[in-house]
Amino acid sequence: MILTFAVCEPGTMIITKANLSDLKDLQKLEKICFEKDAWPLLDLIGVLTLPGITRLKAAESGIMLGFVAGNLEEHRIGWISTIGVLPEYRQKGVGNSLLEACETHLTSPEIRLTVRKSNLAAIHMYQKRGYLTWETWPKYYHDGEDALVMRKLRAV
């Protein structure tokens, strides 16, 4: 599956399935996007290889611009476990395109995700896509910041 979206001139962003060959690029993306909260190596290997996980990358000219992963959990609830976009490509539709593509694969009536309470740009993007704050997980992140759990209900 290849989805193509125009991002910024002159390049074209392509969203494709990610796999283990993307490990080094994903490690770099994680460190840039999440710093202290970046997933360790074994978690990255898992997200790229374990069955039942939707894993998609956005790339332009061979460079990984962003990554998203999600899966179906018990009771048919979809979870977006991670989504990250390089800072210089934010606010250009990359995150929205990745989220939309991942949602298409998660055939569940409910999708949830977590986001830092301070990440207003991401929260705004999620709200525009129909997510509402459902609950707060206190001190979820390594530095003690709370996470908002957002969810989207949809007919499937």
Protein backbone atom coordinates (compact mmCIF):
# COMPACT_ATOMS: atom_id res chain seq x y z
CA MET A 1 0.00 0.00 0.00
CA ILE A 2 1.37 3.41 -0.97
CA LEU A 3 -0.47 6.64 -0.29
CA THR A 4 0.84 9.87 -1.78
CA PHE A 5 0.21 13.36 -0.42
CA ALA A 6 1.68 16.68 -1.50
CA VAL A 7 3.56 18.24 1.40
CA CYS A 8 5.77 21.09 0.28
CA GLU A 9 7.40 22.01 -2.99
CA PRO A 10 9.12 20.42 -4.74
CA GLY A 11 8.85 17.06 -2.93
CA THR A 12 6.11 14.54 -2.57
CA MET A 13 5.52 12.72 0.67
CA ILE A 14 4.78 9.00 0.44
CA ILE A 15 3.20 6.97 3.25
CA THR A 16 4.12 3.30 3.21
CA LYS A 17 4.33 0.41 5.62
CA ALA A 18 7.40 0.49 7.85
CA ASN A 19 9.52 -2.57 8.65
CA LEU A 20 12.71 -3.60 10.40
CA SER A 21 14.86 -1.98 7.69
CA ASP A 22 13.56 1.37 9.02
CA LEU A 23 15.01 0.81 12.51
CA LYS A 24 17.89 3.32 12.30
CA ASP A 25 15.67 6.05 10.84
CA LEU A 26 13.01 5.39 13.46
CA GLN A 27 15.61 5.57 16.26
CA LYS A 28 16.72 8.99 15.01
CA LEU A 29 13.13 10.20 14.68
CA GLU A 30 12.27 9.02 18.21
CA LYS A 31 15.27 10.81 19.74
CA ILE A 32 14.47 14.05 17.91
CA CYS A 33 10.71 13.97 18.55
CA PHE A 34 10.53 12.55 22.06
CA GLU A 35 13.96 13.09 23.66
CA LYS A 36 13.64 11.61 27.19
CA ASP A 37 10.51 9.66 26.28
CA ALA A 38 12.03 8.00 23.19
CA TRP A 39 11.34 4.28 23.09
CA PRO A 40 14.29 1.99 23.81
CA LEU A 41 15.74 -0.22 21.08
CA LEU A 42 13.74 -3.35 22.01
CA ASP A 43 10.44 -1.43 21.89
CA LEU A 44 11.34 -0.05 18.45
CA ILE A 45 12.19 -3.54 17.19
CA GLY A 46 8.88 -4.76 18.59
CA VAL A 47 6.80 -2.02 16.98
CA LEU A 48 8.45 -2.80 13.64
CA THR A 49 8.08 -6.61 13.81
CA LEU A 50 5.29 -7.80 16.12
CA PRO A 51 2.13 -9.08 14.44
CA GLY A 52 -1.09 -7.10 14.60
CA ILE A 53 0.56 -3.66 14.57
CA THR A 54 -0.12 -1.08 11.91
CA ARG A 55 3.18 0.72 11.28
CA LEU A 56 3.43 3.47 8.72
CA LYS A 57 6.14 5.91 7.75
CA ALA A 58 5.99 9.17 5.87
CA ALA A 59 9.00 9.72 3.65
CA GLU A 60 10.19 12.26 1.14
CA SER A 61 13.25 11.73 -1.04
CA GLY A 62 14.19 8.71 1.07
CA ILE A 63 14.06 10.63 4.38
CA MET A 64 11.67 9.48 7.12
CA LEU A 65 9.60 12.55 8.03
CA GLY A 66 7.26 10.83 10.43
CA PHE A 67 6.03 7.53 11.85
CA VAL A 68 2.81 6.19 13.36
CA ALA A 69 1.92 2.87 14.93
CA GLY A 70 -1.36 1.52 16.22
CA ASN A 71 -3.12 -1.71 17.00
CA LEU A 72 -6.44 -3.18 18.09
CA GLU A 73 -6.71 -4.03 21.76
CA GLU A 74 -9.29 -5.96 23.75
CA HIS A 75 -12.91 -4.96 23.26
CA ARG A 76 -12.07 -3.71 19.73
CA ILE A 77 -10.47 -0.47 20.86
CA GLY A 78 -7.82 0.93 18.56
CA TRP A 79 -4.76 2.53 20.12
CA ILE A 80 -2.39 4.91 18.40
CA SER A 81 0.72 3.96 20.36
CA THR A 82 3.05 6.52 18.81
CA ILE A 83 3.06 9.28 16.25
CA GLY A 84 5.96 11.60 15.61
CA VAL A 85 6.99 14.06 12.90
CA LEU A 86 10.35 15.78 12.46
CA PRO A 87 10.07 19.38 13.73
CA GLU A 88 10.77 20.98 10.34
CA TYR A 89 7.82 19.07 8.80
CA ARG A 90 5.23 19.83 11.48
CA GLN A 91 2.22 21.98 10.60
CA LYS A 92 2.49 20.78 6.97
CA GLY A 93 -0.02 17.92 7.04
CA VAL A 94 2.40 15.06 7.71
CA GLY A 95 1.01 14.16 11.14
CA ASN A 96 -2.58 14.50 9.97
CA SER A 97 -1.89 12.27 6.95
CA LEU A 98 -0.18 9.63 9.10
CA LEU A 99 -3.03 9.68 11.62
CA GLU A 100 -5.64 9.37 8.88
CA ALA A 101 -3.80 6.46 7.27
CA CYS A 102 -3.45 4.63 10.59
CA GLU A 103 -7.12 5.18 11.44
CA THR A 104 -8.04 3.60 8.10
CA HIS A 105 -6.27 0.39 9.17
CA LEU A 106 -7.78 0.31 12.66
CA THR A 107 -11.25 -1.02 11.98
CA SER A 108 -12.64 -0.29 15.42
CA PRO A 109 -15.49 1.95 16.58
CA GLU A 110 -13.20 3.64 19.10
CA ILE A 111 -9.61 4.85 18.81
CA ARG A 112 -7.55 6.19 21.71
CA LEU A 113 -4.17 7.84 22.08
CA THR A 114 -2.12 9.66 24.70
CA VAL A 115 -0.57 13.08 24.36
CA ARG A 116 1.40 15.38 26.65
CA LYS A 117 -0.89 17.91 28.28
CA SER A 118 1.47 20.67 27.08
CA ASN A 119 1.52 19.55 23.42
CA LEU A 120 -1.12 22.00 22.27
CA ALA A 121 -0.34 21.66 18.55
CA ALA A 122 -0.90 17.89 18.64
CA ILE A 123 -4.02 18.25 20.80
CA HIS A 124 -5.44 20.73 18.30
CA MET A 125 -4.73 18.34 15.40
CA TYR A 126 -6.42 15.48 17.25
CA GLN A 127 -9.44 17.64 18.05
CA LYS A 128 -9.76 18.61 14.38
CA ARG A 129 -9.85 14.88 13.56
CA GLY A 130 -12.67 14.26 16.06
CA TYR A 131 -10.77 13.25 19.20
CA LEU A 132 -12.00 14.45 22.58
CA THR A 133 -10.23 14.33 25.94
CA TRP A 134 -11.47 11.28 27.78
CA GLU A 135 -9.30 11.16 30.91
CA THR A 136 -5.97 12.27 32.38
CA TRP A 137 -3.15 9.96 33.43
CA PRO A 138 -1.21 11.82 36.12
CA LYS A 139 2.60 11.90 35.89
CA TYR A 140 2.60 9.57 32.87
CA TYR A 141 5.76 10.90 31.24
CA HIS A 142 9.33 10.53 32.55
CA ASP A 143 9.47 14.17 33.68
CA GLY A 144 6.20 13.86 35.59
CA GLU A 145 3.96 15.61 33.07
CA ASP A 146 0.39 14.36 32.79
CA ALA A 147 -0.92 12.62 29.68
CA LEU A 148 -4.30 13.31 28.21
CA VAL A 149 -6.05 10.22 26.90
CA MET A 150 -8.05 11.27 23.88
CA ARG A 151 -10.57 9.14 22.07
CA LYS A 152 -12.52 9.20 18.87
CA LEU A 153 -15.79 7.36 18.40
CA ARG A 154 -16.83 6.47 14.89
CA ALA A 155 -19.19 4.28 12.94
CA VAL A 156 -17.43 1.43 11.17
